[in-house]
């Protein structure tokens, strides 16, 4: 199993997701975050399971993605580890995230 690195922005992403969903249902907010963590664990175990992001955006990138419900986990495979880069709403313009890099 590869090592896992998580970008500090992911904590902010998850907090925002949880707060947004909790406005309607605290129980669903907790469940959603738990399911996103399951996806992250799956990525760590099977890093090549995600789709290539470059097929979905208009620029070349080595990032991959996995979708859970309305959320997308963006990540990159390095030699010795997998880096979880962001967790965003699937309807968000992902290109704006990369333009802020």
C-alpha atoms as a PDB file:
ATOM      1  CA  UNK A   1       0.000   0.000   0.000  1.00  0.00           C
ATOM      2  CA  UNK A   2       1.296   3.433  -0.881  1.00  0.00           C
ATOM      3  CA  UNK A   3       1.806   6.181   1.674  1.00  0.00           C
ATOM      4  CA  UNK A   4      -0.863   8.854   1.802  1.00  0.00           C
ATOM      5  CA  UNK A   5      -0.352  12.605   1.848  1.00  0.00           C
ATOM      6  CA  UNK A   6      -3.242  14.964   2.257  1.00  0.00           C
ATOM      7  CA  UNK A   7      -3.051  18.586   1.191  1.00  0.00           C
ATOM      8  CA  UNK A   8      -4.024  20.898   4.103  1.00  0.00           C
ATOM      9  CA  UNK A   9      -6.749  22.379   1.886  1.00  0.00           C
ATOM     10  CA  UNK A  10      -8.602  19.056   2.066  1.00  0.00           C
ATOM     11  CA  UNK A  11      -9.435  19.690   5.740  1.00  0.00           C
ATOM     12  CA  UNK A  12     -11.004  23.014   4.751  1.00  0.00           C
ATOM     13  CA  UNK A  13     -12.865  21.342   1.882  1.00  0.00           C
ATOM     14  CA  UNK A  14     -14.311  18.662   4.165  1.00  0.00           C
ATOM     15  CA  UNK A  15     -15.275  21.189   6.817  1.00  0.00           C
ATOM     16  CA  UNK A  16     -17.140  23.281   4.238  1.00  0.00           C
ATOM     17  CA  UNK A  17     -18.899  20.218   2.836  1.00  0.00           C
ATOM     18  CA  UNK A  18     -19.925  19.072   6.297  1.00  0.00           C
ATOM     19  CA  UNK A  19     -21.229  22.499   7.300  1.00  0.00           C
ATOM     20  CA  UNK A  20     -23.180  22.885   4.065  1.00  0.00           C
ATOM     21  CA  UNK A  21     -24.891  19.495   4.369  1.00  0.00           C
ATOM     22  CA  UNK A  22     -25.485  19.944   8.113  1.00  0.00           C
ATOM     23  CA  UNK A  23     -27.742  22.908   7.337  1.00  0.00           C
ATOM     24  CA  UNK A  24     -30.264  20.287   6.196  1.00  0.00           C
ATOM     25  CA  UNK A  25     -29.150  17.174   8.074  1.00  0.00           C
ATOM     26  CA  UNK A  26     -26.405  16.679  10.638  1.00  0.00           C
ATOM     27  CA  UNK A  27     -26.682  12.911  10.226  1.00  0.00           C
ATOM     28  CA  UNK A  28     -26.226  13.110   6.457  1.00  0.00           C
ATOM     29  CA  UNK A  29     -23.267  15.466   6.829  1.00  0.00           C
ATOM     30  CA  UNK A  30     -21.443  12.949   9.027  1.00  0.00           C
ATOM     31  CA  UNK A  31     -22.315  10.074   6.672  1.00  0.00           C
ATOM     32  CA  UNK A  32     -21.076  12.001   3.628  1.00  0.00           C
ATOM     33  CA  UNK A  33     -17.722  12.833   5.228  1.00  0.00           C
ATOM     34  CA  UNK A  34     -17.304   9.205   6.323  1.00  0.00           C
ATOM     35  CA  UNK A  35     -17.978   8.029   2.773  1.00  0.00           C
ATOM     36  CA  UNK A  36     -15.457  10.497   1.370  1.00  0.00           C
ATOM     37  CA  UNK A  37     -12.871   9.089   3.801  1.00  0.00           C
ATOM     38  CA  UNK A  38     -13.702   5.592   2.512  1.00  0.00           C
ATOM     39  CA  UNK A  39     -12.980   6.826  -1.030  1.00  0.00           C
ATOM     40  CA  UNK A  40      -9.656   8.256   0.142  1.00  0.00           C
ATOM     41  CA  UNK A  41      -8.739   4.910   1.749  1.00  0.00           C
ATOM     42  CA  UNK A  42      -9.683   3.155  -1.518  1.00  0.00           C
ATOM     43  CA  UNK A  43      -7.440   5.538  -3.442  1.00  0.00           C
ATOM     44  CA  UNK A  44      -4.568   4.725  -1.098  1.00  0.00           C
ATOM     45  CA  UNK A  45      -5.057   0.992  -1.667  1.00  0.00           C
ATOM     46  CA  UNK A  46      -5.836   1.191  -5.385  1.00  0.00           C
ATOM     47  CA  UNK A  47      -4.350   4.459  -6.673  1.00  0.00           C
ATOM     48  CA  UNK A  48      -4.898   3.675 -10.352  1.00  0.00           C
ATOM     49  CA  UNK A  49      -8.664   3.198  -9.925  1.00  0.00           C
ATOM     50  CA  UNK A  50      -9.476   6.849 -10.657  1.00  0.00           C
ATOM     51  CA  UNK A  51     -10.048   8.422 -14.030  1.00  0.00           C
ATOM     52  CA  UNK A  52      -7.520  10.753 -15.661  1.00  0.00           C
ATOM     53  CA  UNK A  53      -8.526  14.355 -15.038  1.00  0.00           C
ATOM     54  CA  UNK A  54      -6.877  15.488 -18.278  1.00  0.00           C
ATOM     55  CA  UNK A  55      -9.754  13.822 -20.173  1.00  0.00           C
ATOM     56  CA  UNK A  56     -12.244  16.152 -18.445  1.00  0.00           C
ATOM     57  CA  UNK A  57     -10.389  19.475 -18.572  1.00  0.00           C
ATOM     58  CA  UNK A  58      -8.850  21.528 -21.368  1.00  0.00           C
ATOM     59  CA  UNK A  59      -5.273  21.241 -20.101  1.00  0.00           C
ATOM     60  CA  UNK A  60      -2.781  18.451 -19.545  1.00  0.00           C
ATOM     61  CA  UNK A  61      -2.501  17.227 -15.950  1.00  0.00           C
ATOM     62  CA  UNK A  62      -1.322  14.152 -14.115  1.00  0.00           C
ATOM     63  CA  UNK A  63      -4.150  14.323 -11.567  1.00  0.00           C
ATOM     64  CA  UNK A  64      -6.798  11.653 -11.273  1.00  0.00           C
ATOM     65  CA  UNK A  65     -10.249  11.815  -9.741  1.00  0.00           C
ATOM     66  CA  UNK A  66     -12.891   9.687  -8.046  1.00  0.00           C
ATOM     67  CA  UNK A  67     -16.513  10.741  -7.662  1.00  0.00           C
ATOM     68  CA  UNK A  68     -18.697  10.167  -4.628  1.00  0.00           C
ATOM     69  CA  UNK A  69     -22.204  11.579  -4.972  1.00  0.00           C
ATOM     70  CA  UNK A  70     -21.850  15.302  -5.601  1.00  0.00           C
ATOM     71  CA  UNK A  71     -18.161  15.361  -4.667  1.00  0.00           C
ATOM     72  CA  UNK A  72     -14.916  14.748  -6.512  1.00  0.00           C
ATOM     73  CA  UNK A  73     -11.689  13.658  -4.837  1.00  0.00           C
ATOM     74  CA  UNK A  74      -8.727  14.981  -6.839  1.00  0.00           C
ATOM     75  CA  UNK A  75      -5.400  13.243  -6.353  1.00  0.00           C
ATOM     76  CA  UNK A  76      -1.984  12.597  -7.848  1.00  0.00           C
ATOM     77  CA  UNK A  77       0.175   9.486  -7.793  1.00  0.00           C
ATOM     78  CA  UNK A  78       3.822  10.060  -6.997  1.00  0.00           C
ATOM     79  CA  UNK A  79       6.639   7.505  -6.818  1.00  0.00           C
ATOM     80  CA  UNK A  80       6.271   6.648  -3.118  1.00  0.00           C
ATOM     81  CA  UNK A  81       2.908   8.120  -2.172  1.00  0.00           C
ATOM     82  CA  UNK A  82      -0.540   9.269  -3.224  1.00  0.00           C
ATOM     83  CA  UNK A  83      -1.411  12.912  -2.590  1.00  0.00           C
ATOM     84  CA  UNK A  84      -5.036  13.840  -2.028  1.00  0.00           C
ATOM     85  CA  UNK A  85      -5.136  17.331  -3.476  1.00  0.00           C
ATOM     86  CA  UNK A  86      -8.730  18.570  -3.019  1.00  0.00           C
ATOM     87  CA  UNK A  87     -12.300  17.430  -2.436  1.00  0.00           C
ATOM     88  CA  UNK A  88     -14.743  19.611  -4.356  1.00  0.00           C
ATOM     89  CA  UNK A  89     -18.323  19.741  -5.534  1.00  0.00           C
ATOM     90  CA  UNK A  90     -18.629  17.929  -8.851  1.00  0.00           C
ATOM     91  CA  UNK A  91     -20.507  20.884 -10.368  1.00  0.00           C
ATOM     92  CA  UNK A  92     -17.726  23.325  -9.465  1.00  0.00           C
ATOM     93  CA  UNK A  93     -15.406  24.551 -12.205  1.00  0.00           C
ATOM     94  CA  UNK A  94     -12.363  22.421 -11.408  1.00  0.00           C
ATOM     95  CA  UNK A  95     -10.134  24.451 -13.718  1.00  0.00           C
ATOM     96  CA  UNK A  96     -10.355  27.396 -11.291  1.00  0.00           C
ATOM     97  CA  UNK A  97      -8.774  25.268  -8.561  1.00  0.00           C
ATOM     98  CA  UNK A  98      -5.728  24.626 -10.705  1.00  0.00           C
ATOM     99  CA  UNK A  99      -5.415  28.222 -11.852  1.00  0.00           C
ATOM    100  CA  UNK A 100      -4.895  29.212  -8.187  1.00  0.00           C
ATOM    101  CA  UNK A 101      -1.899  26.884  -7.822  1.00  0.00           C
END
